[in-house]
């Protein structure tokens, strides 16, 4: 019962803070479509993607060639030669898998690096304009919240009181 009352009081307190806060929202899709910085970042990322895609395509071609050669010659191979060829193909497939995962990870990190200045600018503007929180209406994500609004420790202390 005590926790329920505390929860109800917390909700009331939150609504009071929310009502007094300066909340803003932005649409990052609109920003992405109209920002010169985002256009440049997108161009850089696309160039890096094309480079990685070319590396992947080269490996795909090598695997296809290895498979074609194996299929064309498998009737003349000994069991040991068949096994060796199959193992070579499997190693190449493993290399392919590693390259694809590495490329995806690299591009994801690069995308985050390119987006970081935008998020920092949003935070800077929010602080300058006195916003308590900034939400992205297109994704539903919270982009900035004033750290003074964090009441986690207060809630923990109240919930842990016996």
C-alpha atoms as a PDB file:
ATOM      1  CA  UNK A   1       0.000   0.000   0.000  1.00  0.00           C
ATOM      2  CA  UNK A   2       2.867   2.328   0.887  1.00  0.00           C
ATOM      3  CA  UNK A   3       4.469   1.767  -2.518  1.00  0.00           C
ATOM      4  CA  UNK A   4       1.173   2.427  -4.302  1.00  0.00           C
ATOM      5  CA  UNK A   5       0.745   5.744  -2.486  1.00  0.00           C
ATOM      6  CA  UNK A   6       4.353   6.635  -3.270  1.00  0.00           C
ATOM      7  CA  UNK A   7       3.751   5.747  -6.919  1.00  0.00           C
ATOM      8  CA  UNK A   8       0.617   7.926  -7.049  1.00  0.00           C
ATOM      9  CA  UNK A   9       2.460  10.840  -5.427  1.00  0.00           C
ATOM     10  CA  UNK A  10       5.320  10.347  -7.898  1.00  0.00           C
ATOM     11  CA  UNK A  11       2.945  10.508 -10.842  1.00  0.00           C
ATOM     12  CA  UNK A  12       1.383  13.684  -9.444  1.00  0.00           C
ATOM     13  CA  UNK A  13       4.825  15.214  -8.884  1.00  0.00           C
ATOM     14  CA  UNK A  14       5.907  14.254 -12.382  1.00  0.00           C
ATOM     15  CA  UNK A  15       2.847  15.883 -13.931  1.00  0.00           C
ATOM     16  CA  UNK A  16       3.561  19.046 -11.931  1.00  0.00           C
ATOM     17  CA  UNK A  17       7.177  19.120 -13.104  1.00  0.00           C
ATOM     18  CA  UNK A  18       6.066  18.324 -16.647  1.00  0.00           C
ATOM     19  CA  UNK A  19       3.511  21.138 -16.587  1.00  0.00           C
ATOM     20  CA  UNK A  20       6.173  23.631 -15.454  1.00  0.00           C
ATOM     21  CA  UNK A  21       8.815  22.392 -17.865  1.00  0.00           C
ATOM     22  CA  UNK A  22       9.706  23.843 -21.209  1.00  0.00           C
ATOM     23  CA  UNK A  23       9.267  20.819 -23.483  1.00  0.00           C
ATOM     24  CA  UNK A  24      10.070  20.894 -27.195  1.00  0.00           C
ATOM     25  CA  UNK A  25       9.861  18.471 -30.063  1.00  0.00           C
ATOM     26  CA  UNK A  26      11.613  18.312 -33.397  1.00  0.00           C
ATOM     27  CA  UNK A  27      11.171  16.214 -36.519  1.00  0.00           C
ATOM     28  CA  UNK A  28      14.519  14.652 -37.393  1.00  0.00           C
ATOM     29  CA  UNK A  29      13.151  13.458 -40.740  1.00  0.00           C
ATOM     30  CA  UNK A  30      12.615  17.084 -41.751  1.00  0.00           C
ATOM     31  CA  UNK A  31      16.079  17.958 -40.458  1.00  0.00           C
ATOM     32  CA  UNK A  32      17.597  15.053 -42.409  1.00  0.00           C
ATOM     33  CA  UNK A  33      15.846  16.145 -45.603  1.00  0.00           C
ATOM     34  CA  UNK A  34      16.799  19.813 -45.343  1.00  0.00           C
ATOM     35  CA  UNK A  35      20.156  19.972 -43.553  1.00  0.00           C
ATOM     36  CA  UNK A  36      23.315  20.661 -45.564  1.00  0.00           C
ATOM     37  CA  UNK A  37      25.361  18.861 -42.903  1.00  0.00           C
ATOM     38  CA  UNK A  38      23.205  15.740 -43.148  1.00  0.00           C
ATOM     39  CA  UNK A  39      23.434  15.811 -46.958  1.00  0.00           C
ATOM     40  CA  UNK A  40      27.244  15.922 -46.760  1.00  0.00           C
ATOM     41  CA  UNK A  41      27.296  13.183 -44.126  1.00  0.00           C
ATOM     42  CA  UNK A  42      24.990  11.047 -46.260  1.00  0.00           C
ATOM     43  CA  UNK A  43      27.305  11.507 -49.274  1.00  0.00           C
ATOM     44  CA  UNK A  44      30.331  10.448 -47.219  1.00  0.00           C
ATOM     45  CA  UNK A  45      28.506   7.440 -45.806  1.00  0.00           C
ATOM     46  CA  UNK A  46      27.267   6.365 -49.237  1.00  0.00           C
ATOM     47  CA  UNK A  47      30.819   6.524 -50.608  1.00  0.00           C
ATOM     48  CA  UNK A  48      32.066   4.392 -47.733  1.00  0.00           C
ATOM     49  CA  UNK A  49      29.165   1.984 -48.264  1.00  0.00           C
ATOM     50  CA  UNK A  50      30.006   1.625 -51.967  1.00  0.00           C
ATOM     51  CA  UNK A  51      33.621   0.852 -51.062  1.00  0.00           C
ATOM     52  CA  UNK A  52      32.580  -1.853 -48.586  1.00  0.00           C
ATOM     53  CA  UNK A  53      29.986  -3.215 -51.017  1.00  0.00           C
ATOM     54  CA  UNK A  54      32.701  -3.590 -53.667  1.00  0.00           C
ATOM     55  CA  UNK A  55      34.870  -5.571 -51.232  1.00  0.00           C
ATOM     56  CA  UNK A  56      31.909  -7.838 -50.460  1.00  0.00           C
ATOM     57  CA  UNK A  57      31.141  -8.285 -54.171  1.00  0.00           C
ATOM     58  CA  UNK A  58      34.738  -9.336 -54.892  1.00  0.00           C
ATOM     59  CA  UNK A  59      34.507 -11.992 -52.187  1.00  0.00           C
ATOM     60  CA  UNK A  60      31.089 -13.147 -53.469  1.00  0.00           C
ATOM     61  CA  UNK A  61      32.594 -13.540 -56.959  1.00  0.00           C
ATOM     62  CA  UNK A  62      35.497 -15.545 -55.553  1.00  0.00           C
ATOM     63  CA  UNK A  63      33.086 -17.869 -53.715  1.00  0.00           C
ATOM     64  CA  UNK A  64      30.946 -18.289 -56.825  1.00  0.00           C
ATOM     65  CA  UNK A  65      34.060 -19.098 -58.888  1.00  0.00           C
ATOM     66  CA  UNK A  66      35.246 -21.627 -56.296  1.00  0.00           C
ATOM     67  CA  UNK A  67      31.833 -23.324 -56.256  1.00  0.00           C
ATOM     68  CA  UNK A  68      31.630 -23.394 -60.050  1.00  0.00           C
ATOM     69  CA  UNK A  69      35.108 -24.911 -60.267  1.00  0.00           C
ATOM     70  CA  UNK A  70      34.225 -27.488 -57.638  1.00  0.00           C
ATOM     71  CA  UNK A  71      31.003 -28.479 -59.413  1.00  0.00           C
ATOM     72  CA  UNK A  72      32.763 -28.713 -62.771  1.00  0.00           C
ATOM     73  CA  UNK A  73      35.586 -30.904 -61.434  1.00  0.00           C
ATOM     74  CA  UNK A  74      34.103 -32.827 -58.535  1.00  0.00           C
ATOM     75  CA  UNK A  75      33.694 -36.013 -60.558  1.00  0.00           C
ATOM     76  CA  UNK A  76      37.455 -36.106 -61.136  1.00  0.00           C
ATOM     77  CA  UNK A  77      38.400 -35.319 -57.516  1.00  0.00           C
ATOM     78  CA  UNK A  78      39.382 -37.895 -54.966  1.00  0.00           C
ATOM     79  CA  UNK A  79      37.461 -37.868 -51.695  1.00  0.00           C
ATOM     80  CA  UNK A  80      40.386 -36.045 -50.065  1.00  0.00           C
ATOM     81  CA  UNK A  81      40.463 -33.447 -52.866  1.00  0.00           C
ATOM     82  CA  UNK A  82      36.699 -32.959 -52.573  1.00  0.00           C
ATOM     83  CA  UNK A  83      37.028 -32.443 -48.851  1.00  0.00           C
ATOM     84  CA  UNK A  84      39.912 -29.977 -49.318  1.00  0.00           C
ATOM     85  CA  UNK A  85      37.951 -28.004 -51.913  1.00  0.00           C
ATOM     86  CA  UNK A  86      34.849 -27.942 -49.712  1.00  0.00           C
ATOM     87  CA  UNK A  87      36.904 -26.767 -46.732  1.00  0.00           C
ATOM     88  CA  UNK A  88      38.440 -24.000 -48.855  1.00  0.00           C
ATOM     89  CA  UNK A  89      34.956 -22.868 -49.883  1.00  0.00           C
ATOM     90  CA  UNK A  90      33.828 -22.953 -46.252  1.00  0.00           C
ATOM     91  CA  UNK A  91      36.835 -20.865 -45.185  1.00  0.00           C
ATOM     92  CA  UNK A  92      36.022 -18.347 -47.904  1.00  0.00           C
ATOM     93  CA  UNK A  93      32.374 -18.295 -46.764  1.00  0.00           C
ATOM     94  CA  UNK A  94      33.556 -17.638 -43.220  1.00  0.00           C
ATOM     95  CA  UNK A  95      35.753 -14.789 -44.499  1.00  0.00           C
ATOM     96  CA  UNK A  96      32.693 -13.449 -46.307  1.00  0.00           C
ATOM     97  CA  UNK A  97      30.569 -13.583 -43.162  1.00  0.00           C
ATOM     98  CA  UNK A  98      33.273 -11.806 -41.150  1.00  0.00           C
ATOM     99  CA  UNK A  99      33.656  -9.126 -43.838  1.00  0.00           C
ATOM    100  CA  UNK A 100      29.905  -8.474 -43.993  1.00  0.00           C
ATOM    101  CA  UNK A 101      29.566  -8.225 -40.196  1.00  0.00           C
ATOM    102  CA  UNK A 102      32.662  -6.053 -39.924  1.00  0.00           C
ATOM    103  CA  UNK A 103      31.449  -3.790 -42.716  1.00  0.00           C
ATOM    104  CA  UNK A 104      28.031  -3.384 -41.119  1.00  0.00           C
ATOM    105  CA  UNK A 105      29.621  -2.602 -37.760  1.00  0.00           C
ATOM    106  CA  UNK A 106      32.065  -0.122 -39.294  1.00  0.00           C
ATOM    107  CA  UNK A 107      29.336   1.668 -41.237  1.00  0.00           C
ATOM    108  CA  UNK A 108      27.087   1.803 -38.187  1.00  0.00           C
ATOM    109  CA  UNK A 109      29.870   3.319 -36.091  1.00  0.00           C
ATOM    110  CA  UNK A 110      30.648   5.779 -38.865  1.00  0.00           C
ATOM    111  CA  UNK A 111      26.992   6.782 -39.113  1.00  0.00           C
ATOM    112  CA  UNK A 112      26.927   7.414 -35.360  1.00  0.00           C
ATOM    113  CA  UNK A 113      30.111   9.495 -35.636  1.00  0.00           C
ATOM    114  CA  UNK A 114      28.538  11.595 -38.361  1.00  0.00           C
ATOM    115  CA  UNK A 115      25.292  12.070 -36.411  1.00  0.00           C
ATOM    116  CA  UNK A 116      26.980  12.917 -33.098  1.00  0.00           C
ATOM    117  CA  UNK A 117      27.525  16.625 -33.985  1.00  0.00           C
ATOM    118  CA  UNK A 118      23.803  16.966 -34.738  1.00  0.00           C
ATOM    119  CA  UNK A 119      22.854  15.508 -31.359  1.00  0.00           C
ATOM    120  CA  UNK A 120      25.397  17.760 -29.651  1.00  0.00           C
ATOM    121  CA  UNK A 121      23.952  20.788 -31.445  1.00  0.00           C
ATOM    122  CA  UNK A 122      20.429  19.783 -30.363  1.00  0.00           C
ATOM    123  CA  UNK A 123      21.656  19.549 -26.757  1.00  0.00           C
ATOM    124  CA  UNK A 124      23.446  22.908 -27.068  1.00  0.00           C
ATOM    125  CA  UNK A 125      20.325  24.623 -28.429  1.00  0.00           C
ATOM    126  CA  UNK A 126      18.126  22.981 -25.773  1.00  0.00           C
ATOM    127  CA  UNK A 127      20.350  24.292 -22.983  1.00  0.00           C
ATOM    128  CA  UNK A 128      20.629  27.732 -24.577  1.00  0.00           C
ATOM    129  CA  UNK A 129      16.852  28.009 -25.034  1.00  0.00           C
ATOM    130  CA  UNK A 130      16.122  26.571 -21.586  1.00  0.00           C
ATOM    131  CA  UNK A 131      14.292  23.449 -22.752  1.00  0.00           C
ATOM    132  CA  UNK A 132      13.812  20.778 -20.133  1.00  0.00           C
ATOM    133  CA  UNK A 133      13.435  18.073 -22.767  1.00  0.00           C
ATOM    134  CA  UNK A 134      13.522  17.663 -26.531  1.00  0.00           C
ATOM    135  CA  UNK A 135      11.669  14.811 -28.216  1.00  0.00           C
ATOM    136  CA  UNK A 136      11.936  13.546 -31.765  1.00  0.00           C
ATOM    137  CA  UNK A 137       8.383  13.392 -33.062  1.00  0.00           C
ATOM    138  CA  UNK A 138       9.364  11.157 -36.007  1.00  0.00           C
ATOM    139  CA  UNK A 139      10.954   8.396 -33.918  1.00  0.00           C
ATOM    140  CA  UNK A 140       9.465   8.967 -30.480  1.00  0.00           C
ATOM    141  CA  UNK A 141      12.948   9.145 -28.956  1.00  0.00           C
ATOM    142  CA  UNK A 142      14.054  11.551 -26.284  1.00  0.00           C
ATOM    143  CA  UNK A 143      17.004  13.528 -27.651  1.00  0.00           C
ATOM    144  CA  UNK A 144      17.710  15.657 -24.601  1.00  0.00           C
ATOM    145  CA  UNK A 145      16.551  15.826 -20.997  1.00  0.00           C
ATOM    146  CA  UNK A 146      17.831  18.297 -18.441  1.00  0.00           C
ATOM    147  CA  UNK A 147      19.763  16.243 -15.879  1.00  0.00           C
ATOM    148  CA  UNK A 148      18.100  18.253 -13.099  1.00  0.00           C
ATOM    149  CA  UNK A 149      14.891  16.378 -13.879  1.00  0.00           C
ATOM    150  CA  UNK A 150      16.444  13.020 -12.953  1.00  0.00           C
ATOM    151  CA  UNK A 151      14.773  11.943  -9.727  1.00  0.00           C
ATOM    152  CA  UNK A 152      15.934   8.326  -9.808  1.00  0.00           C
ATOM    153  CA  UNK A 153      17.853   8.533  -6.546  1.00  0.00           C
ATOM    154  CA  UNK A 154      14.956  10.245  -4.762  1.00  0.00           C
ATOM    155  CA  UNK A 155      12.576   7.523  -5.915  1.00  0.00           C
ATOM    156  CA  UNK A 156      14.981   4.781  -4.907  1.00  0.00           C
ATOM    157  CA  UNK A 157      15.370   6.265  -1.448  1.00  0.00           C
ATOM    158  CA  UNK A 158      11.604   6.551  -1.013  1.00  0.00           C
ATOM    159  CA  UNK A 159      10.903   3.054  -2.350  1.00  0.00           C
ATOM    160  CA  UNK A 160      13.555   1.515  -0.112  1.00  0.00           C
ATOM    161  CA  UNK A 161      12.258   3.115   3.078  1.00  0.00           C
ATOM    162  CA  UNK A 162      10.819   0.521   5.427  1.00  0.00           C
END
